[in-house]
């Protein structure tokens, strides 16, 4: 497996391909806006929706870098990226967020598939594109684990889960 194939595999596992951990799409499956807005006890805890908003911010930033377009994001700090696009009862906004996640993830996959090894080495601000992508795969895995833990705390994660 070459580097690009490894990145594409990691990218798929982060979102919709089962591997050693639940992919993000599975972790979000069946979650309602109310569940996505539920906050575990503790000041430092984020909601599922806040985590998804955070992931979207950085995925959209990567997509704009890959496309060579201006990123419209305006977060001044990392904390600013956790702001959801709707209120706790706004099911339409939550569903739109999930569709946006699916779309940006697919677009990044398409762009990565087009890159040559030389292009993967090009700088994306401070790091090469391949390193930026790998960091986002790990970032997704980390926050997906948080989302699964939140679902376990709220009782919305299945007691037993099987996959092939």
N, C-alpha and C. Protein backbone atom coordinates (compact mmCIF):
# COMPACT_ATOMS: atom_id res chain seq x y z
N UNK A 1 0.85 -1.17 0.00
CA UNK A 1 0.00 0.00 0.00
C UNK A 1 0.89 1.24 0.00
N UNK A 2 0.70 2.12 -0.98
CA UNK A 2 1.50 3.34 -1.01
C UNK A 2 0.90 4.41 -0.09
N UNK A 3 1.57 5.53 0.01
CA UNK A 3 1.16 6.58 0.94
C UNK A 3 -0.24 7.09 0.64
N UNK A 4 -0.54 7.33 -0.63
CA UNK A 4 -1.87 7.84 -0.98
C UNK A 4 -2.95 6.83 -0.64
N UNK A 5 -2.71 5.57 -0.93
CA UNK A 5 -3.68 4.52 -0.58
C UNK A 5 -3.88 4.44 0.94
N UNK A 6 -2.80 4.60 1.68
CA UNK A 6 -2.89 4.59 3.14
C UNK A 6 -3.71 5.78 3.64
N UNK A 7 -3.49 6.97 3.07
CA UNK A 7 -4.27 8.15 3.45
C UNK A 7 -5.74 7.98 3.11
N UNK A 8 -6.03 7.44 1.94
CA UNK A 8 -7.43 7.23 1.54
C UNK A 8 -8.10 6.19 2.43
N UNK A 9 -7.35 5.16 2.81
CA UNK A 9 -7.89 4.15 3.73
C UNK A 9 -8.20 4.79 5.08
N UNK A 10 -7.27 5.55 5.61
CA UNK A 10 -7.49 6.24 6.88
C UNK A 10 -8.67 7.20 6.80
N UNK A 11 -8.77 7.91 5.69
CA UNK A 11 -9.86 8.87 5.49
C UNK A 11 -11.20 8.13 5.50
N UNK A 12 -11.26 6.99 4.84
CA UNK A 12 -12.50 6.20 4.81
C UNK A 12 -12.83 5.65 6.20
N UNK A 13 -11.84 5.16 6.91
CA UNK A 13 -12.07 4.61 8.25
C UNK A 13 -12.53 5.70 9.22
N UNK A 14 -12.06 6.90 9.04
CA UNK A 14 -12.46 7.99 9.93
C UNK A 14 -13.94 8.32 9.77
N UNK A 15 -14.50 8.09 8.60
CA UNK A 15 -15.89 8.50 8.39
C UNK A 15 -16.89 7.35 8.24
N UNK A 16 -16.63 6.39 7.36
CA UNK A 16 -17.69 5.42 7.12
C UNK A 16 -17.24 3.97 6.93
N UNK A 17 -15.99 3.68 7.17
CA UNK A 17 -15.52 2.30 7.03
C UNK A 17 -15.13 1.77 8.41
N UNK A 18 -15.76 0.66 8.81
CA UNK A 18 -15.44 0.06 10.10
C UNK A 18 -13.99 -0.42 10.10
N UNK A 19 -13.32 -0.16 11.20
CA UNK A 19 -11.97 -0.67 11.41
C UNK A 19 -11.83 -0.95 12.91
N UNK A 20 -10.85 -0.44 13.57
CA UNK A 20 -10.66 -0.70 14.99
C UNK A 20 -11.57 0.15 15.87
N UNK A 21 -12.18 1.13 15.32
CA UNK A 21 -13.10 1.99 16.08
C UNK A 21 -14.28 2.33 15.18
N UNK A 22 -15.35 2.76 15.81
CA UNK A 22 -16.55 3.14 15.04
C UNK A 22 -16.24 4.35 14.18
N UNK A 23 -16.63 4.33 12.93
CA UNK A 23 -16.43 5.52 12.10
C UNK A 23 -17.44 6.61 12.51
N UNK A 24 -17.11 7.83 12.19
CA UNK A 24 -17.94 8.97 12.58
C UNK A 24 -19.38 8.83 12.11
N UNK A 25 -19.58 8.39 10.87
CA UNK A 25 -20.94 8.26 10.35
C UNK A 25 -21.78 7.32 11.23
N UNK A 26 -21.19 6.22 11.66
CA UNK A 26 -21.88 5.27 12.53
C UNK A 26 -22.12 5.88 13.91
N UNK A 27 -21.15 6.62 14.41
CA UNK A 27 -21.29 7.26 15.73
C UNK A 27 -22.43 8.28 15.73
N UNK A 28 -22.74 8.85 14.56
CA UNK A 28 -23.79 9.86 14.46
C UNK A 28 -25.12 9.29 13.99
N UNK A 29 -25.13 8.04 13.60
CA UNK A 29 -26.33 7.42 13.06
C UNK A 29 -27.47 7.41 14.08
N UNK A 30 -28.61 7.94 13.67
CA UNK A 30 -29.80 7.93 14.52
C UNK A 30 -29.83 8.97 15.61
N UNK A 31 -28.82 9.83 15.68
CA UNK A 31 -28.77 10.87 16.71
C UNK A 31 -29.71 12.00 16.32
N UNK A 32 -30.56 12.41 17.24
CA UNK A 32 -31.49 13.52 17.00
C UNK A 32 -30.82 14.83 17.42
N UNK A 33 -31.42 15.94 17.05
CA UNK A 33 -30.90 17.25 17.44
C UNK A 33 -30.85 17.38 18.96
N UNK A 34 -31.87 16.87 19.63
CA UNK A 34 -31.90 16.94 21.10
C UNK A 34 -30.74 16.14 21.68
N UNK A 35 -30.51 14.93 21.16
CA UNK A 35 -29.39 14.12 21.64
C UNK A 35 -28.05 14.77 21.30
N UNK A 36 -27.96 15.35 20.11
CA UNK A 36 -26.72 16.01 19.69
C UNK A 36 -26.42 17.24 20.53
N UNK A 37 -27.44 17.81 21.16
CA UNK A 37 -27.28 19.02 21.97
C UNK A 37 -27.12 18.72 23.46
N UNK A 38 -27.27 17.47 23.85
CA UNK A 38 -27.17 17.08 25.26
C UNK A 38 -25.74 17.23 25.74
N UNK A 39 -25.58 17.85 26.91
CA UNK A 39 -24.24 18.07 27.45
C UNK A 39 -24.03 17.22 28.69
N UNK A 40 -22.97 16.40 28.70
CA UNK A 40 -22.66 15.65 29.91
C UNK A 40 -22.31 16.62 31.06
N UNK A 41 -22.42 16.15 32.26
CA UNK A 41 -22.07 16.96 33.41
C UNK A 41 -20.58 17.30 33.35
N UNK A 42 -20.28 18.54 33.63
CA UNK A 42 -18.88 18.98 33.64
C UNK A 42 -18.68 20.14 32.70
N UNK A 43 -18.03 21.16 33.19
CA UNK A 43 -17.84 22.37 32.41
C UNK A 43 -17.05 22.15 31.13
N UNK A 44 -16.11 21.21 31.14
CA UNK A 44 -15.24 21.01 29.99
C UNK A 44 -15.84 20.11 28.92
N UNK A 45 -17.03 19.57 29.16
CA UNK A 45 -17.62 18.63 28.21
C UNK A 45 -18.32 19.35 27.07
N UNK A 46 -18.09 18.85 25.85
CA UNK A 46 -18.78 19.38 24.67
C UNK A 46 -19.94 18.46 24.31
N UNK A 47 -20.89 19.01 23.57
CA UNK A 47 -21.99 18.20 23.04
C UNK A 47 -21.53 17.50 21.77
N UNK A 48 -22.32 16.56 21.32
CA UNK A 48 -22.05 15.91 20.04
C UNK A 48 -22.03 16.95 18.94
N UNK A 49 -23.04 17.83 18.93
CA UNK A 49 -23.14 18.84 17.88
C UNK A 49 -21.95 19.79 17.90
N UNK A 50 -21.48 20.15 19.08
CA UNK A 50 -20.30 21.01 19.16
C UNK A 50 -19.08 20.29 18.58
N UNK A 51 -18.93 19.00 18.89
CA UNK A 51 -17.82 18.23 18.32
C UNK A 51 -17.92 18.15 16.80
N UNK A 52 -19.12 17.92 16.29
CA UNK A 52 -19.31 17.84 14.84
C UNK A 52 -19.00 19.18 14.18
N UNK A 53 -19.42 20.27 14.79
CA UNK A 53 -19.13 21.60 14.26
C UNK A 53 -17.62 21.84 14.19
N UNK A 54 -16.94 21.42 15.22
CA UNK A 54 -15.48 21.53 15.29
C UNK A 54 -14.82 20.72 14.16
N UNK A 55 -15.26 19.48 13.99
CA UNK A 55 -14.71 18.65 12.92
C UNK A 55 -14.98 19.25 11.55
N UNK A 56 -16.18 19.76 11.36
CA UNK A 56 -16.55 20.38 10.08
C UNK A 56 -15.66 21.57 9.76
N UNK A 57 -15.40 22.38 10.75
CA UNK A 57 -14.57 23.57 10.53
C UNK A 57 -13.23 23.18 9.91
N UNK A 58 -12.57 22.21 10.52
CA UNK A 58 -11.24 21.84 10.03
C UNK A 58 -11.29 21.04 8.73
N UNK A 59 -12.33 20.27 8.52
CA UNK A 59 -12.47 19.57 7.24
C UNK A 59 -12.73 20.58 6.11
N UNK A 60 -13.59 21.54 6.36
CA UNK A 60 -13.87 22.54 5.33
C UNK A 60 -12.63 23.37 5.04
N UNK A 61 -11.84 23.66 6.06
CA UNK A 61 -10.59 24.39 5.85
C UNK A 61 -9.65 23.58 4.96
N UNK A 62 -9.53 22.26 5.23
CA UNK A 62 -8.69 21.40 4.39
C UNK A 62 -9.21 21.37 2.96
N UNK A 63 -10.52 21.22 2.79
CA UNK A 63 -11.07 21.17 1.43
C UNK A 63 -10.73 22.44 0.66
N UNK A 64 -10.87 23.59 1.28
CA UNK A 64 -10.52 24.84 0.59
C UNK A 64 -9.04 24.89 0.25
N UNK A 65 -8.19 24.37 1.13
CA UNK A 65 -6.76 24.31 0.81
C UNK A 65 -6.50 23.41 -0.39
N UNK A 66 -7.17 22.28 -0.43
CA UNK A 66 -6.99 21.35 -1.55
C UNK A 66 -7.49 21.95 -2.86
N UNK A 67 -8.57 22.72 -2.78
CA UNK A 67 -9.14 23.34 -3.98
C UNK A 67 -8.43 24.64 -4.36
N UNK A 68 -7.63 25.17 -3.44
CA UNK A 68 -6.96 26.45 -3.69
C UNK A 68 -7.91 27.63 -3.64
N UNK A 69 -8.98 27.49 -2.83
CA UNK A 69 -9.97 28.56 -2.71
C UNK A 69 -9.90 29.19 -1.33
N UNK A 70 -10.48 30.36 -1.21
CA UNK A 70 -10.50 31.10 0.05
C UNK A 70 -11.42 30.41 1.05
N UNK A 71 -10.93 30.16 2.24
CA UNK A 71 -11.73 29.56 3.30
C UNK A 71 -12.50 30.66 4.02
N UNK A 72 -13.84 30.57 4.07
CA UNK A 72 -14.63 31.63 4.69
C UNK A 72 -14.70 31.56 6.21
N UNK A 73 -14.10 30.53 6.82
CA UNK A 73 -14.15 30.38 8.27
C UNK A 73 -13.53 31.57 8.98
N UNK A 74 -14.12 31.89 10.11
CA UNK A 74 -13.66 33.09 10.82
C UNK A 74 -13.35 32.85 12.29
N UNK A 75 -13.13 31.61 12.68
CA UNK A 75 -12.83 31.32 14.08
C UNK A 75 -11.50 31.96 14.46
N UNK A 76 -11.52 32.68 15.57
CA UNK A 76 -10.28 33.31 16.05
C UNK A 76 -9.47 32.35 16.91
N UNK A 77 -10.17 31.42 17.58
CA UNK A 77 -9.50 30.43 18.42
C UNK A 77 -10.10 29.06 18.13
N UNK A 78 -9.44 28.03 18.58
CA UNK A 78 -9.95 26.67 18.43
C UNK A 78 -11.31 26.54 19.10
N UNK A 79 -11.48 27.17 20.26
CA UNK A 79 -12.76 27.10 20.98
C UNK A 79 -13.91 27.62 20.13
N UNK A 80 -13.64 28.59 19.27
CA UNK A 80 -14.69 29.18 18.42
C UNK A 80 -15.22 28.19 17.39
N UNK A 81 -14.51 27.11 17.14
CA UNK A 81 -14.93 26.14 16.13
C UNK A 81 -15.98 25.16 16.63
N UNK A 82 -16.28 25.21 17.91
CA UNK A 82 -17.24 24.29 18.51
C UNK A 82 -18.68 24.84 18.52
N UNK A 83 -18.95 25.90 17.79
CA UNK A 83 -20.27 26.54 17.81
C UNK A 83 -21.20 25.85 16.82
N UNK A 84 -22.30 25.25 17.32
CA UNK A 84 -23.25 24.58 16.41
C UNK A 84 -24.06 25.59 15.60
N UNK A 85 -24.62 25.09 14.51
CA UNK A 85 -25.36 25.95 13.58
C UNK A 85 -26.85 26.05 13.91
N UNK A 86 -27.29 25.46 15.00
CA UNK A 86 -28.70 25.52 15.35
C UNK A 86 -28.91 25.25 16.82
N UNK A 87 -30.15 25.40 17.24
CA UNK A 87 -30.51 25.19 18.63
C UNK A 87 -30.83 23.74 18.92
N UNK A 88 -31.02 23.41 20.20
CA UNK A 88 -31.20 22.02 20.61
C UNK A 88 -32.44 21.32 20.04
N UNK A 89 -33.42 22.07 19.60
CA UNK A 89 -34.64 21.47 19.03
C UNK A 89 -34.71 21.63 17.51
N UNK A 90 -33.64 22.12 16.90
CA UNK A 90 -33.66 22.43 15.48
C UNK A 90 -33.21 21.22 14.66
N UNK A 91 -34.15 20.31 14.46
CA UNK A 91 -33.83 19.06 13.75
C UNK A 91 -33.37 19.34 12.31
N UNK A 92 -33.98 20.35 11.66
CA UNK A 92 -33.58 20.67 10.28
C UNK A 92 -32.12 21.12 10.22
N UNK A 93 -31.71 21.95 11.18
CA UNK A 93 -30.32 22.43 11.21
C UNK A 93 -29.36 21.27 11.50
N UNK A 94 -29.77 20.36 12.39
CA UNK A 94 -28.93 19.20 12.70
C UNK A 94 -28.77 18.31 11.47
N UNK A 95 -29.87 18.03 10.78
CA UNK A 95 -29.80 17.20 9.58
C UNK A 95 -28.96 17.87 8.50
N UNK A 96 -29.05 19.19 8.39
CA UNK A 96 -28.22 19.94 7.43
C UNK A 96 -26.74 19.82 7.79
N UNK A 97 -26.45 19.83 9.08
CA UNK A 97 -25.07 19.67 9.55
C UNK A 97 -24.54 18.29 9.16
N UNK A 98 -25.37 17.26 9.35
CA UNK A 98 -24.95 15.90 8.98
C UNK A 98 -24.72 15.78 7.48
N UNK A 99 -25.58 16.39 6.69
CA UNK A 99 -25.40 16.37 5.22
C UNK A 99 -24.13 17.12 4.81
N UNK A 100 -23.87 18.21 5.49
CA UNK A 100 -22.66 19.00 5.21
C UNK A 100 -21.42 18.16 5.53
N UNK A 101 -21.47 17.42 6.64
CA UNK A 101 -20.34 16.55 7.00
C UNK A 101 -20.11 15.50 5.92
N UNK A 102 -21.19 14.86 5.50
CA UNK A 102 -21.08 13.84 4.45
C UNK A 102 -20.48 14.44 3.18
N UNK A 103 -20.98 15.59 2.79
CA UNK A 103 -20.53 16.24 1.56
C UNK A 103 -19.05 16.63 1.62
N UNK A 104 -18.64 17.28 2.69
CA UNK A 104 -17.25 17.73 2.77
C UNK A 104 -16.31 16.53 2.84
N UNK A 105 -16.71 15.50 3.56
CA UNK A 105 -15.86 14.31 3.64
C UNK A 105 -15.69 13.67 2.26
N UNK A 106 -16.77 13.55 1.52
CA UNK A 106 -16.71 12.96 0.17
C UNK A 106 -15.86 13.83 -0.78
N UNK A 107 -16.05 15.15 -0.69
CA UNK A 107 -15.27 16.03 -1.57
C UNK A 107 -13.77 15.95 -1.28
N UNK A 108 -13.42 15.86 -0.01
CA UNK A 108 -12.00 15.72 0.32
C UNK A 108 -11.46 14.40 -0.22
N UNK A 109 -12.23 13.33 -0.07
CA UNK A 109 -11.80 12.03 -0.60
C UNK A 109 -11.56 12.12 -2.10
N UNK A 110 -12.47 12.76 -2.81
CA UNK A 110 -12.32 12.92 -4.26
C UNK A 110 -11.06 13.71 -4.60
N UNK A 111 -10.81 14.77 -3.87
CA UNK A 111 -9.62 15.59 -4.13
C UNK A 111 -8.33 14.82 -3.81
N UNK A 112 -8.33 14.08 -2.71
CA UNK A 112 -7.15 13.28 -2.36
C UNK A 112 -6.85 12.23 -3.42
N UNK A 113 -7.89 11.63 -3.95
CA UNK A 113 -7.71 10.60 -4.97
C UNK A 113 -7.04 11.15 -6.23
N UNK A 114 -7.22 12.44 -6.48
CA UNK A 114 -6.65 13.07 -7.67
C UNK A 114 -5.19 13.50 -7.51
N UNK A 115 -4.71 13.60 -6.26
CA UNK A 115 -3.38 14.13 -6.02
C UNK A 115 -2.28 13.13 -6.35
N UNK A 116 -1.21 13.65 -6.88
CA UNK A 116 -0.02 12.84 -7.12
C UNK A 116 0.81 12.82 -5.83
N UNK A 117 1.80 11.95 -5.79
CA UNK A 117 2.68 11.89 -4.62
C UNK A 117 3.39 13.22 -4.42
N UNK A 118 3.77 13.83 -5.51
CA UNK A 118 4.44 15.14 -5.43
C UNK A 118 3.50 16.19 -4.84
N UNK A 119 2.24 16.16 -5.24
CA UNK A 119 1.26 17.13 -4.71
C UNK A 119 0.97 16.88 -3.23
N UNK A 120 1.01 15.62 -2.80
CA UNK A 120 0.82 15.31 -1.39
C UNK A 120 1.92 15.92 -0.52
N UNK A 121 3.09 16.15 -1.12
CA UNK A 121 4.22 16.74 -0.41
C UNK A 121 4.15 18.27 -0.35
N UNK A 122 3.26 18.88 -1.13
CA UNK A 122 3.16 20.35 -1.13
C UNK A 122 2.68 20.84 0.23
N UNK A 123 3.11 22.02 0.58
CA UNK A 123 2.76 22.58 1.87
C UNK A 123 1.31 23.07 1.89
N UNK A 124 0.63 22.76 2.99
CA UNK A 124 -0.71 23.27 3.27
C UNK A 124 -0.54 24.16 4.49
N UNK A 125 -0.13 25.37 4.27
CA UNK A 125 0.24 26.36 5.28
C UNK A 125 1.54 25.95 5.97
N UNK A 126 1.47 25.18 7.08
CA UNK A 126 2.68 24.87 7.84
C UNK A 126 3.19 23.44 7.69
N UNK A 127 2.36 22.58 7.14
CA UNK A 127 2.74 21.17 7.01
C UNK A 127 2.38 20.68 5.61
N UNK A 128 3.03 19.61 5.15
CA UNK A 128 2.67 19.04 3.86
C UNK A 128 1.22 18.52 3.89
N UNK A 129 0.60 18.48 2.74
CA UNK A 129 -0.80 18.03 2.63
C UNK A 129 -0.97 16.65 3.26
N UNK A 130 -0.06 15.71 2.95
CA UNK A 130 -0.23 14.35 3.49
C UNK A 130 -0.24 14.35 5.01
N UNK A 131 0.57 15.19 5.63
CA UNK A 131 0.63 15.26 7.09
C UNK A 131 -0.65 15.90 7.64
N UNK A 132 -1.14 16.90 6.95
CA UNK A 132 -2.39 17.56 7.35
C UNK A 132 -3.55 16.58 7.32
N UNK A 133 -3.61 15.77 6.26
CA UNK A 133 -4.68 14.78 6.13
C UNK A 133 -4.57 13.74 7.24
N UNK A 134 -3.37 13.23 7.48
CA UNK A 134 -3.20 12.23 8.53
C UNK A 134 -3.58 12.79 9.89
N UNK A 135 -3.24 14.03 10.15
CA UNK A 135 -3.62 14.67 11.41
C UNK A 135 -5.13 14.74 11.55
N UNK A 136 -5.83 15.05 10.45
CA UNK A 136 -7.29 15.11 10.51
C UNK A 136 -7.91 13.73 10.70
N UNK A 137 -7.30 12.69 10.16
CA UNK A 137 -7.80 11.33 10.39
C UNK A 137 -7.72 11.04 11.90
N UNK A 138 -6.59 11.34 12.50
CA UNK A 138 -6.43 11.11 13.94
C UNK A 138 -7.37 12.00 14.75
N UNK A 139 -7.53 13.22 14.31
CA UNK A 139 -8.43 14.18 14.96
C UNK A 139 -9.86 13.66 14.93
N UNK A 140 -10.29 13.14 13.78
CA UNK A 140 -11.63 12.56 13.67
C UNK A 140 -11.78 11.38 14.61
N UNK A 141 -10.77 10.51 14.67
CA UNK A 141 -10.85 9.34 15.54
C UNK A 141 -10.99 9.76 17.00
N UNK A 142 -10.23 10.74 17.40
CA UNK A 142 -10.30 11.25 18.78
C UNK A 142 -11.70 11.75 19.12
N UNK A 143 -12.23 12.64 18.26
CA UNK A 143 -13.54 13.22 18.55
C UNK A 143 -14.68 12.22 18.34
N UNK A 144 -14.49 11.25 17.46
CA UNK A 144 -15.49 10.19 17.31
C UNK A 144 -15.58 9.40 18.61
N UNK A 145 -14.45 9.13 19.22
CA UNK A 145 -14.44 8.45 20.52
C UNK A 145 -15.19 9.26 21.57
N UNK A 146 -15.02 10.57 21.55
CA UNK A 146 -15.77 11.42 22.48
C UNK A 146 -17.27 11.33 22.22
N UNK A 147 -17.64 11.33 20.95
CA UNK A 147 -19.06 11.25 20.59
C UNK A 147 -19.65 9.92 21.06
N UNK A 148 -18.93 8.83 20.85
CA UNK A 148 -19.41 7.53 21.32
C UNK A 148 -19.55 7.55 22.85
N UNK A 149 -18.60 8.13 23.54
CA UNK A 149 -18.67 8.21 25.00
C UNK A 149 -19.88 9.03 25.45
N UNK A 150 -20.15 10.14 24.78
CA UNK A 150 -21.33 10.95 25.11
C UNK A 150 -22.60 10.12 24.91
N UNK A 151 -22.65 9.40 23.80
CA UNK A 151 -23.82 8.55 23.54
C UNK A 151 -23.96 7.46 24.60
N UNK A 152 -22.86 6.91 25.06
CA UNK A 152 -22.93 5.92 26.14
C UNK A 152 -23.47 6.57 27.41
N UNK A 153 -23.02 7.76 27.73
CA UNK A 153 -23.48 8.46 28.93
C UNK A 153 -24.97 8.78 28.86
N UNK A 154 -25.45 9.11 27.68
CA UNK A 154 -26.87 9.45 27.55
C UNK A 154 -27.74 8.23 27.30
N UNK A 155 -27.13 7.07 27.14
CA UNK A 155 -27.88 5.84 26.94
C UNK A 155 -28.37 5.63 25.53
N UNK A 156 -27.79 6.34 24.56
CA UNK A 156 -28.23 6.19 23.17
C UNK A 156 -27.30 5.33 22.32
N UNK A 157 -26.27 4.77 22.92
CA UNK A 157 -25.34 3.88 22.21
C UNK A 157 -25.75 2.44 22.52
N UNK A 158 -25.78 1.57 21.52
CA UNK A 158 -26.21 0.19 21.77
C UNK A 158 -25.27 -0.53 22.74
N UNK A 159 -25.87 -1.33 23.61
CA UNK A 159 -25.08 -2.10 24.57
C UNK A 159 -24.16 -3.09 23.85
N UNK A 160 -24.63 -3.64 22.75
CA UNK A 160 -23.83 -4.54 21.92
C UNK A 160 -23.94 -4.05 20.49
N UNK A 161 -22.82 -4.05 19.82
CA UNK A 161 -22.78 -3.58 18.45
C UNK A 161 -21.96 -4.57 17.66
N UNK A 162 -22.44 -4.98 16.49
CA UNK A 162 -21.67 -5.90 15.67
C UNK A 162 -21.46 -5.28 14.29
N UNK A 163 -20.38 -5.67 13.67
CA UNK A 163 -20.05 -5.20 12.33
C UNK A 163 -19.16 -6.22 11.66
N UNK A 164 -19.05 -6.10 10.36
CA UNK A 164 -18.18 -7.00 9.61
C UNK A 164 -17.22 -6.21 8.78
